[in-house]
C-alpha atoms as a PDB file:
ATOM      1  CA  MET A   1       9.254 -17.217  26.370  1.00  0.00           C
ATOM      2  CA  GLU A   2       8.988 -18.311  22.751  1.00  0.00           C
ATOM      3  CA  LEU A   3       8.908 -15.622  20.041  1.00  0.00           C
ATOM      4  CA  CYS A   4       7.160 -15.520  16.668  1.00  0.00           C
ATOM      5  CA  ARG A   5       8.184 -13.603  13.517  1.00  0.00           C
ATOM      6  CA  ILE A   6       5.544 -12.506  10.986  1.00  0.00           C
ATOM      7  CA  GLN A   7       6.356 -10.794   7.686  1.00  0.00           C
ATOM      8  CA  GLY A   8       4.086  -9.268   5.047  1.00  0.00           C
ATOM      9  CA  GLU A   9       4.483  -6.995   2.036  1.00  0.00           C
ATOM     10  CA  PHE A  10       2.603  -3.779   1.280  1.00  0.00           C
ATOM     11  CA  GLU A  11       2.387  -1.583  -1.837  1.00  0.00           C
ATOM     12  CA  ALA A  12       3.231   1.639   0.011  1.00  0.00           C
ATOM     13  CA  VAL A  13       4.967   2.797   3.186  1.00  0.00           C
ATOM     14  CA  GLU A  14       1.813   4.507   4.432  1.00  0.00           C
ATOM     15  CA  LEU A  15      -0.183   1.266   4.330  1.00  0.00           C
ATOM     16  CA  ALA A  16       2.508  -0.613   6.244  1.00  0.00           C
ATOM     17  CA  GLU A  17       2.708   2.116   8.889  1.00  0.00           C
ATOM     18  CA  LEU A  18      -1.068   2.116   9.364  1.00  0.00           C
ATOM     19  CA  ALA A  19      -1.024  -1.668   9.810  1.00  0.00           C
ATOM     20  CA  ALA A  20       1.906  -1.444  12.234  1.00  0.00           C
ATOM     21  CA  GLY A  21       0.087   1.115  14.367  1.00  0.00           C
ATOM     22  CA  ARG A  22      -3.077  -0.947  14.486  1.00  0.00           C
ATOM     23  CA  ILE A  23      -1.164  -4.102  15.432  1.00  0.00           C
ATOM     24  CA  ARG A  24       0.844  -2.284  18.102  1.00  0.00           C
ATOM     25  CA  ARG A  25      -2.380  -0.956  19.697  1.00  0.00           C
ATOM     26  CA  SER A  26      -4.343  -4.224  19.439  1.00  0.00           C
ATOM     27  CA  VAL A  27      -1.832  -6.983  20.235  1.00  0.00           C
ATOM     28  CA  ASP A  28      -0.063  -7.547  23.547  1.00  0.00           C
ATOM     29  CA  GLY A  29       3.470  -8.934  23.610  1.00  0.00           C
ATOM     30  CA  ILE A  30       4.866  -7.028  20.617  1.00  0.00           C
ATOM     31  CA  ARG A  31       8.669  -6.974  20.889  1.00  0.00           C
ATOM     32  CA  LYS A  32       9.607  -5.203  17.662  1.00  0.00           C
ATOM     33  CA  ILE A  33       8.005  -3.870  14.467  1.00  0.00           C
ATOM     34  CA  MET A  34      10.127  -2.937  11.445  1.00  0.00           C
ATOM     35  CA  VAL A  35       9.195  -1.433   8.062  1.00  0.00           C
ATOM     36  CA  GLN A  36      11.831  -1.978   5.354  1.00  0.00           C
ATOM     37  CA  SER A  37      11.862  -0.980   1.696  1.00  0.00           C
ATOM     38  CA  ILE A  38      12.195  -3.957  -0.659  1.00  0.00           C
ATOM     39  CA  GLY A  39      11.792  -2.338  -4.062  1.00  0.00           C
ATOM     40  CA  ARG A  40      12.559   0.638  -6.183  1.00  0.00           C
ATOM     41  CA  GLY A  41      10.073   3.457  -6.483  1.00  0.00           C
ATOM     42  CA  ALA A  42       7.529   3.440  -9.259  1.00  0.00           C
ATOM     43  CA  GLU A  43       8.523   4.823 -12.629  1.00  0.00           C
ATOM     44  CA  LYS A  44       8.200   8.607 -12.871  1.00  0.00           C
ATOM     45  CA  ALA A  45       5.011   9.820 -14.472  1.00  0.00           C
ATOM     46  CA  ALA A  46       6.382  13.247 -15.432  1.00  0.00           C
ATOM     47  CA  GLY A  47       6.715  13.852 -19.139  1.00  0.00           C
ATOM     48  CA  ARG A  48       3.881  11.471 -20.021  1.00  0.00           C
ATOM     49  CA  GLN A  49       0.391  12.248 -21.199  1.00  0.00           C
ATOM     50  CA  ARG A  50      -2.843  11.754 -19.290  1.00  0.00           C
ATOM     51  CA  PHE A  51      -6.018  10.963 -21.214  1.00  0.00           C
ATOM     52  CA  THR A  52      -9.448  11.860 -19.858  1.00  0.00           C
ATOM     53  CA  MET A  53     -12.577  10.724 -21.680  1.00  0.00           C
ATOM     54  CA  LEU A  54     -15.625  12.952 -21.307  1.00  0.00           C
ATOM     55  CA  PRO A  55     -19.195  12.077 -22.256  1.00  0.00           C
ATOM     56  CA  ALA A  56     -20.637  14.315 -24.932  1.00  0.00           C
ATOM     57  CA  ASN A  57     -24.230  15.018 -26.012  1.00  0.00           C
ATOM     58  CA  LEU A  58     -26.148  13.005 -23.410  1.00  0.00           C
ATOM     59  CA  ARG A  59     -29.480  14.633 -24.363  1.00  0.00           C
ATOM     60  CA  MET A  60     -29.502  12.904 -27.717  1.00  0.00           C
ATOM     61  CA  GLN A  61     -28.798   9.467 -26.193  1.00  0.00           C
ATOM     62  CA  ASN A  62     -25.558   9.455 -28.150  1.00  0.00           C
ATOM     63  CA  TYR A  63     -22.787   8.283 -25.843  1.00  0.00           C
ATOM     64  CA  ALA A  64     -19.909   9.435 -28.002  1.00  0.00           C
ATOM     65  CA  THR A  65     -16.979  10.701 -25.949  1.00  0.00           C
ATOM     66  CA  ALA A  66     -14.476  13.481 -26.257  1.00  0.00           C
ATOM     67  CA  VAL A  67     -10.853  12.976 -25.235  1.00  0.00           C
ATOM     68  CA  MET A  68      -8.811  15.548 -23.322  1.00  0.00           C
ATOM     69  CA  ILE A  69      -5.046  15.129 -23.400  1.00  0.00           C
ATOM     70  CA  SER A  70      -2.803  16.851 -20.870  1.00  0.00           C
ATOM     71  CA  GLU A  71       0.849  16.617 -19.885  1.00  0.00           C
ATOM     72  CA  ILE A  72       1.681  15.169 -16.439  1.00  0.00           C
ATOM     73  CA  SER A  73       4.089  17.195 -14.310  1.00  0.00           C
ATOM     74  CA  ASP A  74       5.795  16.465 -10.980  1.00  0.00           C
ATOM     75  CA  ASP A  75       3.872  19.305  -9.323  1.00  0.00           C
ATOM     76  CA  VAL A  76       0.498  17.799 -10.140  1.00  0.00           C
ATOM     77  CA  LEU A  77       1.254  14.124  -9.543  1.00  0.00           C
ATOM     78  CA  PRO A  78       4.141  13.582  -7.074  1.00  0.00           C
ATOM     79  CA  GLU A  79       2.711  10.358  -5.593  1.00  0.00           C
ATOM     80  CA  PRO A  80       4.460   7.777  -7.836  1.00  0.00           C
ATOM     81  CA  HIS A  81       7.835   9.007  -6.584  1.00  0.00           C
ATOM     82  CA  TYR A  82       6.988   7.831  -3.085  1.00  0.00           C
ATOM     83  CA  ARG A  83       5.318   4.520  -3.930  1.00  0.00           C
ATOM     84  CA  LYS A  84       7.497   1.495  -3.334  1.00  0.00           C
ATOM     85  CA  LYS A  85       6.990  -1.992  -1.966  1.00  0.00           C
ATOM     86  CA  VAL A  86       7.830  -2.407   1.698  1.00  0.00           C
ATOM     87  CA  GLN A  87       8.020  -5.302   4.098  1.00  0.00           C
ATOM     88  CA  LEU A  88       6.499  -5.153   7.570  1.00  0.00           C
ATOM     89  CA  GLN A  89       8.136  -7.484  10.067  1.00  0.00           C
ATOM     90  CA  ILE A  90       6.649  -8.154  13.499  1.00  0.00           C
ATOM     91  CA  ILE A  91       8.362  -9.978  16.349  1.00  0.00           C
ATOM     92  CA  CYS A  92       5.973 -10.891  19.135  1.00  0.00           C
ATOM     93  CA  ASP A  93       5.221 -13.527  21.752  1.00  0.00           C
ATOM     94  CA  ALA A  94       4.138 -16.849  20.232  1.00  0.00           C
ATOM     95  CA  ARG A  95       0.836 -16.783  22.148  1.00  0.00           C
ATOM     96  CA  THR A  96      -0.240 -13.571  20.364  1.00  0.00           C
ATOM     97  CA  GLY A  97       1.178 -14.431  16.938  1.00  0.00           C
ATOM     98  CA  ASP A  98      -2.154 -15.604  15.530  1.00  0.00           C
ATOM     99  CA  ARG A  99      -3.826 -12.294  16.418  1.00  0.00           C
ATOM    100  CA  ALA A 100      -1.019 -10.286  14.795  1.00  0.00           C
ATOM    101  CA  TYR A 101      -1.211 -12.525  11.710  1.00  0.00           C
ATOM    102  CA  ALA A 102      -4.976 -11.966  11.415  1.00  0.00           C
ATOM    103  CA  LEU A 103      -4.598  -8.182  11.690  1.00  0.00           C
ATOM    104  CA  LEU A 104      -1.841  -8.186   9.077  1.00  0.00           C
ATOM    105  CA  LEU A 105      -4.089 -10.143   6.739  1.00  0.00           C
ATOM    106  CA  ALA A 106      -6.998  -7.777   7.416  1.00  0.00           C
ATOM    107  CA  ALA A 107      -4.772  -4.782   6.628  1.00  0.00           C
ATOM    108  CA  GLY A 108      -4.203  -6.084   3.095  1.00  0.00           C
ATOM    109  CA  ALA A 109      -0.688  -7.486   3.337  1.00  0.00           C
ATOM    110  CA  GLU A 110       0.594  -9.808   0.626  1.00  0.00           C
ATOM    111  CA  LYS A 111       3.009 -12.758   0.858  1.00  0.00           C
ATOM    112  CA  ILE A 112       2.498 -13.195   4.597  1.00  0.00           C
ATOM    113  CA  ARG A 113       4.910 -15.602   6.290  1.00  0.00           C
ATOM    114  CA  LYS A 114       4.871 -16.734   9.898  1.00  0.00           C
ATOM    115  CA  ASN A 115       7.871 -18.400  11.570  1.00  0.00           C
END
């Protein structure tokens, strides 16, 4: 039986794993699904400042804003440490390759290639 390989990129591991689970449940003839890291993690946010703009004096129809500045720490915002681009690769039967491709596209994958 002829096999088909489909590859797509995701912004985070969690998104790729959700797509892989959906494809595994919905498509028959899946031989192998792999999630591989293809990039470094995002730059650390710790030590930077976060700006929050707040509306002030809405009763007077004056939409001037106030700015709150706070320091970002690893305890408050750990997510950027885990964010990295990943590649999801699916090997399946050629007859079900179009269905797997469509689900990968629907899951938000970028740079999708089908061989």
